[in-house]
């Protein structure tokens, strides 16, 4: 995962949260205190000035290389209670070292998040390719340059919420040489190449098509979450909301590729769960446990 790109080229609007628990810590142990650094840098790929906030362990160099988790829509970290969640989770483990990187979206979120191979029918996601390039060519080199992190792809993960979940899925699927696990919370798998009013067919869902037409079997494990109150829409009038239908249909596409439920795929359906940080924050510890085990 080494890169020759200069770390100074990094640019996105992101938030890094890192906490460490020593190998000999007990369930009641406290995580190593964190320090915060903020700066403004320019992204070459996204062509914009962004602010970077970095929360990392006070100890300059951790004893062991850290795992890395990238999370899209990092601007929602306060609403998610992310710092408290990560700190509490790692304080309850006996051996965990992780750097959590939250990539913030700005007013161009609907343009920068999507699937890199094609935008949707309304031309949303047309800069998803640049977002992918930012993650692979700029953010990863920056993290590797500034932090003592693992060089083993099994220790690198990516996740996101809603449209950010779609972006995370697309990157993990197309760049399994960088990421071994992907987490998707209420993923926007409705993302389609044709409007509902224009003779839409379920085959028009873009991420499903990408999985269906990709040769081979990328070595990635997947964690999905939906809430029964994610939305009210039900395109096919089968009594199941679209977000659940779209997610389960995508899982079915993965199974047809050879991925196994319970081994490569983990699915959580939250009763009365909604499409918001409150629901996602409550189940995030389950994802962390799955990703870091």
Protein backbone atom coordinates (compact mmCIF):
# COMPACT_ATOMS: atom_id res chain seq x y z
CA UNK A 1 0.00 0.00 0.00
CA UNK A 2 3.00 2.26 -0.34
CA UNK A 3 2.77 5.27 -2.63
CA UNK A 4 5.27 7.72 -4.05
CA UNK A 5 2.84 10.67 -3.83
CA UNK A 6 3.86 13.51 -1.50
CA UNK A 7 1.90 13.63 1.74
CA UNK A 8 1.49 17.38 1.31
CA UNK A 9 -0.81 16.73 -1.62
CA UNK A 10 -3.49 15.42 0.70
CA UNK A 11 -6.61 17.42 0.69
CA UNK A 12 -10.05 16.28 1.72
CA UNK A 13 -12.26 17.52 4.42
CA UNK A 14 -11.82 14.84 7.02
CA UNK A 15 -11.71 13.92 10.64
CA UNK A 16 -9.33 11.38 12.13
CA UNK A 17 -10.10 9.67 15.38
CA UNK A 18 -7.62 7.31 16.91
CA UNK A 19 -7.58 5.53 20.23
CA UNK A 20 -5.37 2.75 21.51
CA UNK A 21 -5.77 0.01 24.09
CA UNK A 22 -2.71 -1.92 25.18
CA UNK A 23 -2.44 -5.68 24.89
CA UNK A 24 -2.59 -6.08 28.66
CA UNK A 25 -5.60 -3.83 29.24
CA UNK A 26 -8.71 -5.13 30.98
CA UNK A 27 -12.36 -4.40 30.29
CA UNK A 28 -12.21 -1.53 32.77
CA UNK A 29 -9.03 -0.01 31.37
CA UNK A 30 -9.05 3.49 29.93
CA UNK A 31 -7.91 4.30 26.40
CA UNK A 32 -4.75 6.30 25.85
CA UNK A 33 -5.56 10.06 25.95
CA UNK A 34 -5.94 11.66 22.53
CA UNK A 35 -4.68 14.97 21.17
CA UNK A 36 -6.27 17.09 18.44
CA UNK A 37 -4.67 18.88 15.48
CA UNK A 38 -6.56 20.94 12.88
CA UNK A 39 -5.25 22.32 9.62
CA UNK A 40 -6.44 23.44 6.18
CA UNK A 41 -5.00 21.77 3.08
CA UNK A 42 -5.73 21.59 -0.63
CA UNK A 43 -6.84 18.50 -2.47
CA UNK A 44 -5.51 18.03 -5.98
CA UNK A 45 -8.10 15.41 -6.93
CA UNK A 46 -11.12 17.21 -5.48
CA UNK A 47 -9.69 20.64 -6.34
CA UNK A 48 -10.74 22.33 -3.12
CA UNK A 49 -9.43 23.71 0.16
CA UNK A 50 -10.57 21.62 3.10
CA UNK A 51 -10.11 21.62 6.84
CA UNK A 52 -8.52 18.60 8.51
CA UNK A 53 -9.03 17.73 12.18
CA UNK A 54 -6.80 14.96 13.51
CA UNK A 55 -7.44 13.22 16.83
CA UNK A 56 -4.66 10.77 17.61
CA UNK A 57 -3.01 9.12 20.65
CA UNK A 58 -0.76 11.38 22.69
CA UNK A 59 1.94 8.77 22.47
CA UNK A 60 3.86 9.74 19.35
CA UNK A 61 4.43 6.26 17.97
CA UNK A 62 2.16 3.38 19.07
CA UNK A 63 3.96 0.16 19.94
CA UNK A 64 2.02 -1.77 17.33
CA UNK A 65 0.97 -0.70 13.80
CA UNK A 66 -2.64 0.53 13.80
CA UNK A 67 -5.54 -0.79 11.79
CA UNK A 68 -7.27 1.89 9.71
CA UNK A 69 -10.98 2.53 9.23
CA UNK A 70 -12.13 5.18 6.74
CA UNK A 71 -15.67 6.49 7.26
CA UNK A 72 -17.54 8.69 4.79
CA UNK A 73 -19.79 11.51 6.04
CA UNK A 74 -17.44 12.26 8.89
CA UNK A 75 -19.29 15.55 9.40
CA UNK A 76 -21.87 13.46 11.27
CA UNK A 77 -19.36 12.14 13.82
CA UNK A 78 -20.66 14.45 16.61
CA UNK A 79 -24.27 13.35 15.99
CA UNK A 80 -23.11 9.74 15.86
CA UNK A 81 -21.23 10.08 19.15
CA UNK A 82 -18.29 8.57 17.29
CA UNK A 83 -15.46 9.57 19.61
CA UNK A 84 -17.29 8.24 22.67
CA UNK A 85 -18.30 5.08 20.80
CA UNK A 86 -14.78 4.29 19.59
CA UNK A 87 -13.24 5.09 22.96
CA UNK A 88 -15.75 2.94 24.86
CA UNK A 89 -15.43 0.08 22.40
CA UNK A 90 -11.64 -0.02 22.49
CA UNK A 91 -11.60 0.38 26.27
CA UNK A 92 -13.55 -2.87 26.52
CA UNK A 93 -11.17 -4.89 24.35
CA UNK A 94 -7.93 -6.58 25.30
CA UNK A 95 -6.02 -5.97 22.08
CA UNK A 96 -7.12 -3.26 19.66
CA UNK A 97 -5.27 -0.46 17.96
CA UNK A 98 -7.21 1.48 15.34
CA UNK A 99 -7.17 4.79 13.51
CA UNK A 100 -10.66 5.94 12.47
CA UNK A 101 -10.67 8.41 9.60
CA UNK A 102 -13.87 10.34 8.91
CA UNK A 103 -14.05 11.98 5.50
CA UNK A 104 -16.35 14.99 5.58
CA UNK A 105 -18.65 15.85 2.72
CA UNK A 106 -19.36 19.45 1.69
CA UNK A 107 -22.08 21.07 -0.40
CA UNK A 108 -21.01 18.90 -3.37
CA UNK A 109 -21.83 15.64 -1.59
CA UNK A 110 -24.38 14.56 -4.21
CA UNK A 111 -21.74 15.10 -6.88
CA UNK A 112 -18.74 13.59 -5.10
CA UNK A 113 -20.44 10.47 -3.69
CA UNK A 114 -21.75 7.67 -5.89
CA UNK A 115 -20.28 4.94 -8.08
CA UNK A 116 -17.07 5.66 -9.96
CA UNK A 117 -18.08 3.78 -13.11
CA UNK A 118 -21.10 5.96 -13.86
CA UNK A 119 -23.32 8.70 -12.37
CA UNK A 120 -27.00 8.08 -11.78
CA UNK A 121 -29.81 9.11 -14.15
CA UNK A 122 -29.74 12.68 -12.80
CA UNK A 123 -25.95 12.94 -13.27
CA UNK A 124 -25.37 12.77 -9.53
CA UNK A 125 -22.11 11.18 -8.46
CA UNK A 126 -20.23 12.52 -11.46
CA UNK A 127 -17.18 13.22 -9.27
CA UNK A 128 -17.19 9.83 -7.54
CA UNK A 129 -14.12 8.89 -9.58
CA UNK A 130 -12.22 11.84 -8.10
CA UNK A 131 -13.36 10.83 -4.61
CA UNK A 132 -12.04 7.33 -5.22
CA UNK A 133 -8.75 8.71 -6.50
CA UNK A 134 -8.53 10.94 -3.46
CA UNK A 135 -8.90 7.97 -1.11
CA UNK A 136 -6.46 5.73 -2.97
CA UNK A 137 -3.89 8.22 -4.24
CA UNK A 138 -3.95 10.97 -1.61
CA UNK A 139 -5.51 9.94 1.68
CA UNK A 140 -3.87 6.53 2.04
CA UNK A 141 -0.35 7.90 1.32
CA UNK A 142 -0.99 10.69 3.82
CA UNK A 143 -2.02 8.27 6.56
CA UNK A 144 0.92 5.97 5.84
CA UNK A 145 3.34 8.90 5.94
CA UNK A 146 2.09 10.42 9.21
CA UNK A 147 1.03 7.39 11.25
CA UNK A 148 2.40 4.01 12.21
CA UNK A 149 -0.21 1.88 10.47
CA UNK A 150 -0.39 -1.71 9.32
CA UNK A 151 0.81 -2.53 5.82
CA UNK A 152 -1.46 -5.59 5.71
CA UNK A 153 -4.70 -5.00 3.77
CA UNK A 154 -6.57 -7.21 6.24
CA UNK A 155 -6.24 -4.32 8.70
CA UNK A 156 -7.77 -1.67 6.39
CA UNK A 157 -11.54 -1.07 6.33
CA UNK A 158 -13.99 1.43 4.83
CA UNK A 159 -17.55 2.38 5.77
CA UNK A 160 -20.25 4.98 5.22
CA UNK A 161 -23.83 6.07 5.82
CA UNK A 162 -26.55 6.39 3.17
CA UNK A 163 -24.90 7.76 0.00
CA UNK A 164 -21.56 7.54 1.81
CA UNK A 165 -22.30 3.84 2.28
CA UNK A 166 -22.74 3.43 -1.47
CA UNK A 167 -19.38 5.19 -1.99
CA UNK A 168 -17.69 2.90 0.53
CA UNK A 169 -19.17 -0.20 -1.13
CA UNK A 170 -18.04 0.93 -4.58
CA UNK A 171 -14.47 1.61 -3.44
CA UNK A 172 -14.14 -1.64 -1.51
CA UNK A 173 -15.54 -3.64 -4.42
CA UNK A 174 -13.20 -2.07 -6.98
CA UNK A 175 -10.14 -1.78 -4.73
CA UNK A 176 -10.03 -4.97 -2.70
CA UNK A 177 -6.23 -4.73 -2.86
CA UNK A 178 -6.56 -1.85 -0.36
CA UNK A 179 -9.58 -2.78 1.79
CA UNK A 180 -10.59 -6.12 3.26
CA UNK A 181 -13.94 -5.14 4.82
CA UNK A 182 -16.73 -2.69 4.03
CA UNK A 183 -19.52 -1.41 6.28
CA UNK A 184 -22.70 0.09 4.79
CA UNK A 185 -25.34 1.78 6.97
CA UNK A 186 -28.67 2.39 5.18
CA UNK A 187 -26.83 2.29 1.86
CA UNK A 188 -28.26 4.16 -1.13
CA UNK A 189 -28.55 1.04 -3.24
CA UNK A 190 -31.53 2.57 -5.04
CA UNK A 191 -28.85 4.40 -7.13
CA UNK A 192 -30.12 3.86 -10.64
CA UNK A 193 -29.41 4.65 -14.28
CA UNK A 194 -33.04 5.36 -15.18
CA UNK A 195 -35.75 7.43 -13.49
CA UNK A 196 -38.77 5.62 -12.05
CA UNK A 197 -41.04 7.38 -14.55
CA UNK A 198 -38.92 6.26 -17.54
CA UNK A 199 -39.77 2.56 -17.68
CA UNK A 200 -37.52 1.83 -14.70
CA UNK A 201 -36.63 -1.79 -14.07
CA UNK A 202 -34.85 -3.32 -11.06
CA UNK A 203 -31.98 -4.16 -13.40
CA UNK A 204 -31.33 -0.40 -13.60
CA UNK A 205 -29.85 -0.33 -10.09
CA UNK A 206 -26.20 0.55 -10.66
CA UNK A 207 -24.39 -1.09 -7.74
CA UNK A 208 -26.27 -4.34 -8.31
CA UNK A 209 -25.22 -4.27 -11.97
CA UNK A 210 -21.59 -3.56 -11.03
CA UNK A 211 -21.50 -6.64 -8.79
CA UNK A 212 -23.32 -8.77 -11.35
CA UNK A 213 -21.00 -7.87 -14.24
CA UNK A 214 -17.66 -7.80 -12.42
CA UNK A 215 -15.46 -10.76 -13.36
CA UNK A 216 -14.08 -12.75 -10.48
CA UNK A 217 -14.66 -12.60 -6.76
CA UNK A 218 -12.99 -9.66 -4.94
CA UNK A 219 -11.68 -10.73 -1.55
CA UNK A 220 -13.81 -8.49 0.66
CA UNK A 221 -16.20 -9.07 3.57
CA UNK A 222 -19.37 -6.96 3.90
CA UNK A 223 -21.43 -5.62 6.83
CA UNK A 224 -24.87 -4.15 6.06
CA UNK A 225 -27.43 -2.33 8.21
CA UNK A 226 -30.95 -1.16 7.43
CA UNK A 227 -33.75 0.16 9.63
CA UNK A 228 -37.37 -0.83 9.28
CA UNK A 229 -38.23 2.89 9.32
CA UNK A 230 -35.45 3.97 6.96
CA UNK A 231 -38.13 5.28 4.60
CA UNK A 232 -41.73 4.70 3.55
CA UNK A 233 -41.27 4.13 -0.20
CA UNK A 234 -42.16 0.71 -1.60
CA UNK A 235 -41.70 0.70 -5.40
CA UNK A 236 -42.96 -2.82 -6.00
CA UNK A 237 -45.73 -2.71 -3.37
CA UNK A 238 -44.54 -5.90 -1.70
CA UNK A 239 -44.92 -4.52 1.83
CA UNK A 240 -41.16 -4.11 2.29
CA UNK A 241 -39.58 -0.66 2.10
CA UNK A 242 -37.15 -0.04 -0.74
CA UNK A 243 -34.02 0.37 1.40
CA UNK A 244 -34.45 -3.15 2.80
CA UNK A 245 -35.40 -4.61 -0.59
CA UNK A 246 -32.44 -2.94 -2.33
CA UNK A 247 -29.99 -4.12 0.34
CA UNK A 248 -31.27 -7.70 0.40
CA UNK A 249 -31.26 -7.81 -3.41
CA UNK A 250 -27.65 -6.63 -3.41
CA UNK A 251 -26.76 -9.33 -0.88
CA UNK A 252 -28.43 -11.84 -3.21
CA UNK A 253 -26.15 -10.62 -6.02
CA UNK A 254 -23.15 -11.19 -3.75
CA UNK A 255 -24.37 -14.70 -2.91
CA UNK A 256 -24.66 -15.50 -6.59
CA UNK A 257 -21.00 -14.49 -6.89
CA UNK A 258 -20.12 -17.04 -4.20
CA UNK A 259 -20.09 -14.95 -1.01
CA UNK A 260 -21.63 -16.70 1.99
CA UNK A 261 -24.12 -15.27 4.46
CA UNK A 262 -22.61 -15.41 7.95
CA UNK A 263 -19.08 -15.86 6.65
CA UNK A 264 -18.51 -13.08 4.13
CA UNK A 265 -21.77 -11.16 4.72
CA UNK A 266 -23.23 -9.77 7.95
CA UNK A 267 -26.66 -8.15 7.94
CA UNK A 268 -28.34 -6.18 10.73
CA UNK A 269 -31.96 -5.04 10.46
CA UNK A 270 -32.87 -2.56 13.19
CA UNK A 271 -36.51 -2.68 14.27
CA UNK A 272 -37.92 0.87 14.07
CA UNK A 273 -34.45 2.03 13.04
CA UNK A 274 -34.45 5.28 11.08
CA UNK A 275 -32.32 6.90 8.38
CA UNK A 276 -30.33 9.05 10.78
CA UNK A 277 -27.15 9.21 12.92
CA UNK A 278 -29.08 8.20 16.05
CA UNK A 279 -29.84 4.74 14.64
CA UNK A 280 -26.44 4.35 12.98
CA UNK A 281 -24.59 5.41 16.12
CA UNK A 282 -26.36 2.76 18.19
CA UNK A 283 -25.28 -0.08 15.90
CA UNK A 284 -21.79 1.22 15.11
CA UNK A 285 -20.23 -0.77 18.02
CA UNK A 286 -21.54 -3.95 16.39
CA UNK A 287 -19.76 -3.00 13.18
CA UNK A 288 -16.51 -2.19 15.02
CA UNK A 289 -16.62 -5.56 16.77
CA UNK A 290 -17.15 -7.30 13.42
CA UNK A 291 -14.45 -5.34 11.61
CA UNK A 292 -11.74 -5.66 14.26
CA UNK A 293 -12.28 -9.25 15.34
